[in-house]
Amino acid sequence: MAILLIASATSRGADAGSRPKLVLQITVDQLRGDMLPRFEKRFGDDGFRKLLARGVYYADAHYDYSTTFTAVGHATLFTGGGPMEHGIAANDWVDLTTGKQVYCVEDDRFTILNKSPKPHDGTSPRQLTSTT
């Protein structure tokens, strides 16, 4: 998994003298950290190469808990906390109150633009119990 951040950190390419007003995190699911340097010579100037030169790249990041699922790992990366802090313990779970299955980003209060609302279509970070 590769994580690229445009931030003022101490890694390659970052300017420690200035702090950005916005942090943009790009997480490429299933892209191992060793793949970017391995294929860097093949990158064009405006894609991954630009992100590597102007952003922060963590080649060997690890979670401090056992196995993970997509949603759990992404929530950990975006919040800095583990499942106990951010509240996302799996991609899906059963709501103990209703007995219904819940998808981690499911939120029927929001719908896809220009589309008739359907059950389970809406998404939001509502299930997240910590800040990003």
Foldseek 3Di string as FASTA:
>chain_A
DKKKKQAQDDAAQHDVPDGDPDIDIDDDPPDALVVCVVCVVVDDCPPVVVSRNRIHIDSDDDDPDDDDEDVQVVQCVQFVDHCVQFVDRHQWDADPVPRDIDGQFFDQVDADPPDPRDHRHDGDNVRTRGDD
